[in-house]
Protein backbone atom coordinates (compact mmCIF):
# COMPACT_ATOMS: atom_id res chain seq x y z
CA MET A 1 0.00 0.00 0.00
CA SER A 2 1.67 3.21 -1.17
CA SER A 3 0.47 6.53 0.19
CA LYS A 4 1.93 8.37 -2.81
CA ASP A 5 -0.70 6.66 -4.98
CA MET A 6 -3.65 7.40 -2.69
CA GLN A 7 -6.19 9.93 -3.90
CA VAL A 8 -6.35 13.04 -1.69
CA ILE A 9 -9.76 14.76 -1.64
CA GLY A 10 -10.64 17.93 0.24
CA ILE A 11 -14.19 19.23 0.58
CA CYS A 12 -15.42 22.66 1.64
CA ARG A 13 -19.03 23.80 2.05
CA PHE A 14 -19.11 27.41 0.87
CA SER A 15 -22.37 28.76 2.31
CA TYR A 16 -24.16 25.59 1.19
CA PRO A 17 -27.76 25.59 2.56
CA ALA A 18 -27.80 22.02 3.85
CA LEU A 19 -30.52 20.34 5.82
CA GLY A 20 -28.63 19.84 9.07
CA GLY A 21 -24.94 20.48 9.64
CA PHE A 22 -25.41 23.94 11.23
CA GLN A 23 -25.41 25.18 14.81
CA VAL A 24 -27.75 27.98 13.70
CA GLU A 25 -31.07 26.42 12.76
CA HIS A 26 -33.84 27.74 10.48
CA GLU A 27 -37.40 26.61 9.93
CA THR A 28 -37.22 26.70 6.13
CA ILE A 29 -34.58 26.48 3.43
CA GLN A 30 -35.62 29.95 2.27
CA GLN A 31 -34.78 31.36 5.71
CA ARG A 32 -31.45 29.57 5.68
CA GLU A 33 -30.57 30.91 2.23
CA LYS A 34 -31.53 34.43 3.30
CA TYR A 35 -29.20 34.08 6.30
CA LEU A 36 -26.34 32.55 4.32
CA TYR A 37 -26.48 34.98 1.41
CA ASP A 38 -26.77 38.12 3.49
CA PRO A 39 -24.37 40.60 1.82
CA VAL A 40 -22.46 41.45 5.00
CA ARG A 41 -21.98 37.78 5.87
CA MET A 42 -20.94 36.89 2.31
CA GLU A 43 -18.37 39.70 2.23
CA ASP A 44 -16.85 38.36 5.44
CA LYS A 45 -16.80 34.81 4.04
CA PHE A 46 -15.21 35.83 0.75
CA ARG A 47 -12.47 37.79 2.47
CA SER A 48 -11.50 34.93 4.81
CA PHE A 49 -11.70 32.45 1.92
CA GLU A 50 -9.48 34.65 -0.25
CA PHE A 51 -6.92 35.69 2.39
CA LEU A 52 -6.67 32.55 4.57
CA THR A 53 -8.12 29.45 2.90
CA LEU A 54 -6.87 29.68 -0.68
CA PRO A 55 -3.24 30.92 -0.43
CA PRO A 56 -1.85 27.69 1.08
CA LEU A 57 -3.83 25.56 -1.36
CA ARG A 58 -2.16 27.41 -4.24
CA ALA A 59 1.25 26.68 -2.74
CA GLN A 60 0.92 23.03 -1.70
CA THR A 61 4.28 21.27 -1.94
CA ASP A 62 2.37 18.21 -3.18
CA PRO A 63 -0.13 19.47 -5.80
CA ASN A 64 -1.73 16.05 -6.34
CA PHE A 65 -5.11 16.58 -4.68
CA THR A 66 -8.72 17.50 -5.47
CA PHE A 67 -10.51 20.35 -3.71
CA LEU A 68 -14.32 20.30 -3.88
CA VAL A 69 -16.22 23.51 -3.13
CA VAL A 70 -19.91 22.79 -2.61
CA ILE A 71 -22.38 25.64 -3.11
CA GLY A 72 -26.15 25.94 -3.25
CA GLU A 73 -27.95 25.97 -6.58
CA ASN A 74 -29.66 29.22 -5.58
CA MET A 75 -26.50 31.12 -4.69
CA PRO A 76 -26.79 34.57 -6.33
CA GLU A 77 -24.89 34.72 -9.61
CA ILE A 78 -22.73 37.61 -8.45
CA TYR A 79 -21.30 35.36 -5.73
CA VAL A 80 -20.91 32.38 -8.04
CA GLU A 81 -18.88 34.49 -10.48
CA ARG A 82 -16.75 35.91 -7.68
CA LEU A 83 -16.04 32.41 -6.37
CA LEU A 84 -15.09 31.10 -9.81
CA ASP A 85 -12.73 34.04 -10.28
CA LEU A 86 -11.00 33.29 -6.98
CA LEU A 87 -10.55 29.63 -7.90
CA ALA A 88 -9.54 30.16 -11.53
CA ASP A 89 -5.82 29.69 -10.82
CA ILE A 90 -6.28 26.59 -8.63
CA PRO A 91 -6.57 23.64 -11.03
CA GLN A 92 -7.36 21.24 -8.18
CA ALA A 93 -10.55 23.15 -7.32
CA ILE A 94 -13.97 22.01 -8.54
CA VAL A 95 -17.10 24.07 -7.76
CA VAL A 96 -20.08 21.77 -7.24
CA PRO A 97 -23.58 23.33 -7.17
CA ARG A 98 -26.18 21.22 -5.36
CA ALA A 99 -29.79 21.63 -4.37
CA SER A 100 -30.46 21.76 -0.64
CA GLY A 101 -30.55 18.31 0.86
CA PRO A 102 -29.49 16.23 3.87
CA HIS A 103 -26.03 17.41 4.79
CA ARG A 104 -24.12 14.14 5.02
CA LYS A 105 -25.89 12.44 2.12
CA VAL A 106 -25.19 15.30 -0.28
CA MET A 107 -21.54 15.63 0.75
CA CYS A 108 -20.91 11.91 0.26
CA GLU A 109 -22.56 12.02 -3.17
CA VAL A 110 -20.25 14.88 -4.13
CA VAL A 111 -17.16 13.00 -2.95
CA ASP A 112 -18.28 9.79 -4.67
CA LYS A 113 -18.38 11.60 -8.01
CA VAL A 114 -14.62 12.18 -7.90
CA ARG A 115 -13.45 9.00 -6.19
CA ASP A 116 -11.46 7.14 -8.81
CA GLY A 117 -12.56 3.64 -7.86
CA ASP A 118 -9.02 2.58 -7.05
CA THR A 119 -8.34 -0.30 -4.69
CA LEU A 120 -6.44 2.05 -2.38
CA PRO A 121 -8.08 4.11 0.39
CA SER A 122 -8.70 7.77 -0.30
CA LEU A 123 -7.33 10.40 2.05
CA GLN A 124 -10.16 12.84 2.69
CA PHE A 125 -10.08 16.14 4.56
CA ARG A 126 -12.69 18.79 5.28
CA MET A 127 -12.38 22.54 5.60
CA ASP A 128 -14.72 25.30 6.60
CA ASP A 129 -14.65 28.34 4.32
CA ASP A 130 -12.65 30.37 6.83
CA ASP A 131 -10.04 27.73 7.69
CA ALA A 132 -6.65 26.91 6.19
CA VAL A 133 -3.99 24.21 6.20
CA SER A 134 -0.24 24.57 5.86
CA VAL A 135 1.45 24.48 2.45
CA SER A 136 2.88 21.07 3.37
CA PHE A 137 -0.44 19.55 4.46
CA VAL A 138 -1.00 17.20 1.51
CA ALA A 139 2.59 15.99 1.65
CA ARG A 140 2.45 15.49 5.42
CA LEU A 141 -0.88 13.68 5.08
CA ARG A 142 0.71 11.19 2.71
CA CYS A 143 3.61 10.73 5.14
CA ALA A 144 1.18 10.09 7.98
CA ALA A 145 -0.68 7.53 5.86
CA HIS A 146 2.63 5.82 5.12
CA ASP A 147 3.48 5.68 8.83
CA LEU A 148 0.04 4.21 9.56
CA ARG A 149 -0.09 1.88 6.55
CA GLY A 150 -0.59 -1.25 8.66
CA LEU A 151 -3.51 0.29 10.54
CA ILE A 152 -5.04 1.73 7.36
CA ALA A 153 -4.81 -1.66 5.64
CA ASN A 154 -6.75 -3.34 8.43
CA LYS A 155 -9.42 -0.77 9.31
CA PRO A 156 -12.31 0.57 7.20
CA CYS A 157 -11.46 4.13 8.30
CA THR A 158 -8.48 5.66 10.07
CA GLY A 159 -8.29 9.22 11.38
CA MET A 160 -5.25 11.49 11.21
CA ASP A 161 -5.40 14.62 13.33
CA PHE A 162 -2.80 17.35 12.87
CA ASN A 163 -3.71 19.20 16.02
CA GLN A 164 -1.33 22.18 16.22
CA GLY A 165 -2.01 25.54 14.63
CA TYR A 166 -3.60 28.94 15.12
CA ILE A 167 -6.88 30.70 15.66
CA ALA A 168 -6.77 33.86 13.52
CA ARG A 169 -8.78 36.97 12.86
CA ALA A 170 -7.95 39.38 10.03
CA ASP A 171 -8.57 43.10 9.94
CA ARG A 172 -6.92 46.32 8.65
CA LEU A 173 -4.08 45.86 11.16
CA GLY A 174 -3.18 42.40 9.90
CA LEU A 175 -3.65 39.04 11.63
CA HIS A 176 -4.52 38.58 15.28
CA CYS A 177 -3.68 35.02 16.36
CA GLU A 178 -3.49 32.55 19.20
CA LYS A 179 -1.31 29.45 18.91
CA VAL A 180 -3.23 26.34 20.01
CA VAL A 181 -3.17 22.57 20.23
CA ARG A 182 -6.73 21.33 19.79
CA THR A 183 -7.82 17.74 19.27
CA LEU A 184 -10.26 16.88 16.46
CA TRP A 185 -10.88 20.35 15.10
CA THR A 186 -11.99 20.41 11.48
CA PRO A 187 -8.93 21.98 9.80
CA ALA A 188 -6.03 19.55 9.20
CA LEU A 189 -8.17 16.58 10.26
CA ALA A 190 -8.30 13.77 7.69
CA ILE A 191 -9.60 10.23 7.31
CA ALA A 192 -8.22 7.35 5.25
CA ILE A 193 -11.34 5.66 3.88
CA LYS A 194 -11.30 2.33 2.08
CA PRO A 195 -13.03 2.31 -1.33
CA GLU A 196 -15.68 -0.19 -0.25
CA VAL A 197 -16.77 2.11 2.60
CA ARG A 198 -19.67 4.22 1.38
CA HIS A 199 -19.02 7.10 3.72
CA CYS A 200 -16.98 10.29 3.42
CA VAL A 201 -15.09 12.58 5.76
CA LEU A 202 -18.29 14.55 6.45
CA SER A 203 -20.20 11.43 7.46
CA TYR A 204 -18.75 11.73 10.93
CA THR A 205 -19.04 14.31 13.69
CA HIS A 206 -15.43 15.47 13.94
CA THR A 207 -15.45 15.86 17.73
CA LYS A 208 -16.61 12.24 18.14
CA LEU A 209 -14.34 10.66 15.55
CA VAL A 210 -12.56 8.53 18.17
CA ASN A 211 -15.88 6.78 18.84
CA ARG A 212 -16.00 5.51 15.26
CA MET A 213 -12.41 4.68 14.28
CA PRO A 214 -8.80 4.73 15.45
CA VAL A 215 -7.35 8.26 15.36
CA THR A 216 -3.69 9.25 15.58
CA SER A 217 -2.71 12.79 16.60
CA PHE A 218 0.33 14.51 15.12
CA THR A 219 1.77 17.39 17.13
CA GLY A 220 4.88 19.52 16.66
CA GLU A 221 4.11 21.31 13.39
CA ASP A 222 1.85 24.29 12.75
CA MET A 223 -0.62 22.73 10.32
CA PHE A 224 -3.82 24.79 10.41
CA ILE A 225 -5.50 28.16 10.77
CA ARG A 226 -8.99 28.29 12.18
CA GLY A 227 -10.69 31.52 11.19
CA HIS A 228 -12.42 33.53 13.89
CA SER A 229 -15.17 36.00 13.05
CA ASP A 230 -18.66 37.03 14.09
CA PHE A 231 -20.06 34.64 11.49
CA ASN A 232 -18.38 31.39 12.61
CA ASP A 233 -21.16 28.85 12.93
CA SER A 234 -19.41 27.19 15.88
CA ARG A 235 -19.33 30.50 17.77
CA GLN A 236 -23.09 30.53 18.00
CA LYS A 237 -22.96 27.99 20.84
CA ASP A 238 -23.03 29.47 24.31
CA GLY A 239 -20.05 28.87 26.53
CA LEU A 240 -17.28 28.67 23.94
CA ARG A 241 -14.03 30.19 25.16
CA THR A 242 -13.08 33.52 23.60
CA PRO A 243 -9.60 33.13 22.07
CA LYS A 244 -6.76 35.30 23.33
CA LEU A 245 -5.67 36.88 20.07
CA SER A 246 -2.64 39.11 19.65
CA LEU A 247 -1.32 40.90 16.58
CA LEU A 248 1.45 39.03 14.80
CA THR A 249 4.91 40.52 15.01
CA PRO A 250 6.88 41.12 11.78
CA GLU A 251 8.86 37.94 12.50
CA GLU A 252 5.66 35.95 12.99
CA GLU A 253 4.22 37.41 9.80
CA ALA A 254 7.26 36.13 7.91
CA ARG A 255 6.70 32.69 9.41
CA PHE A 256 3.02 32.74 8.39
CA LYS A 257 4.11 33.53 4.85
CA GLU A 258 6.47 30.57 4.91
CA ILE A 259 4.07 28.06 6.48
CA PHE A 260 0.73 29.19 5.06
CA ASN A 261 1.59 31.44 2.10
CA VAL A 262 -0.54 34.09 3.82
CA ASP A 263 0.47 37.67 3.02
CA THR A 264 -0.39 39.99 5.90
CA ASP A 265 0.60 43.10 3.92
CA HIS A 266 -2.04 42.15 1.36
CA ILE A 267 -4.57 41.57 4.13
CA ARG A 268 -3.91 45.01 5.60
CA ALA A 269 -4.20 46.71 2.22
CA GLN A 270 -7.42 44.95 1.26
CA TYR A 271 -9.15 45.43 4.60
CA SER A 272 -8.16 49.11 4.69
CA CYS A 273 -9.49 49.53 1.15
CA TYR A 274 -12.75 47.84 2.10
CA GLU A 275 -13.25 49.92 5.21
CA THR A 276 -12.49 53.12 3.28
CA THR A 277 -14.98 52.41 0.50
CA VAL A 278 -17.72 50.61 2.45
CA GLY A 279 -17.21 51.40 6.09
CA THR A 280 -16.03 49.27 8.96
CA PRO A 281 -18.14 46.09 9.03
């Protein structure tokens, strides 16, 4: 079993109006779409997607992966065009419009469409639209699969959790971050799934993954950014700890550029431009 031959598939729900899968609930799909496509919310999502999520995907040291971006069929055309423009220079990206449906069922159907039917497990990872992974994530994922090849060969599913990274918030000053080690967060969490298993990475509640399969944690490398904003779905739960964010120093900014391909000068310029032309959100 060679990890270099395994198919790597990432999936991101970009404001997809699923049935289920949200902390914020709505009585109808129409209410959910109205919430998701609110212009202020969409502007926030596009900025985090552009400045945090996409830069490291463009710079992956191992470019052999597929990145699925699932959107709703009723997403306004102005947002669809903006999304396609952002992804135009990422050949691994595929935008997949889908009608609203049961969250897990739809996501697995989307993944199944690109699974190549090989006899090897696929390495699947999920990302929220304000998260990021390091530029070495795909390469490190293959290394982890190689290290766990005996376990992967004998289990239907095997989890790999790269649990060290940052919480980050962007604004006109740059990036405000807190370094963290968090088990089973969504960014940089992946599952090796055998081809005969008709599930996908989004079939499982990430916080309860250890109840369903063996999971190995990998610590010691900064592998993810978890975006922090007023529109994070997970922040809508009461009782979540407020992160202790501090502005990156110039030395830390240089390290972010190296690890994540994230340009804080660009972030400052774009946020300042936005706030000048539109007003502080």
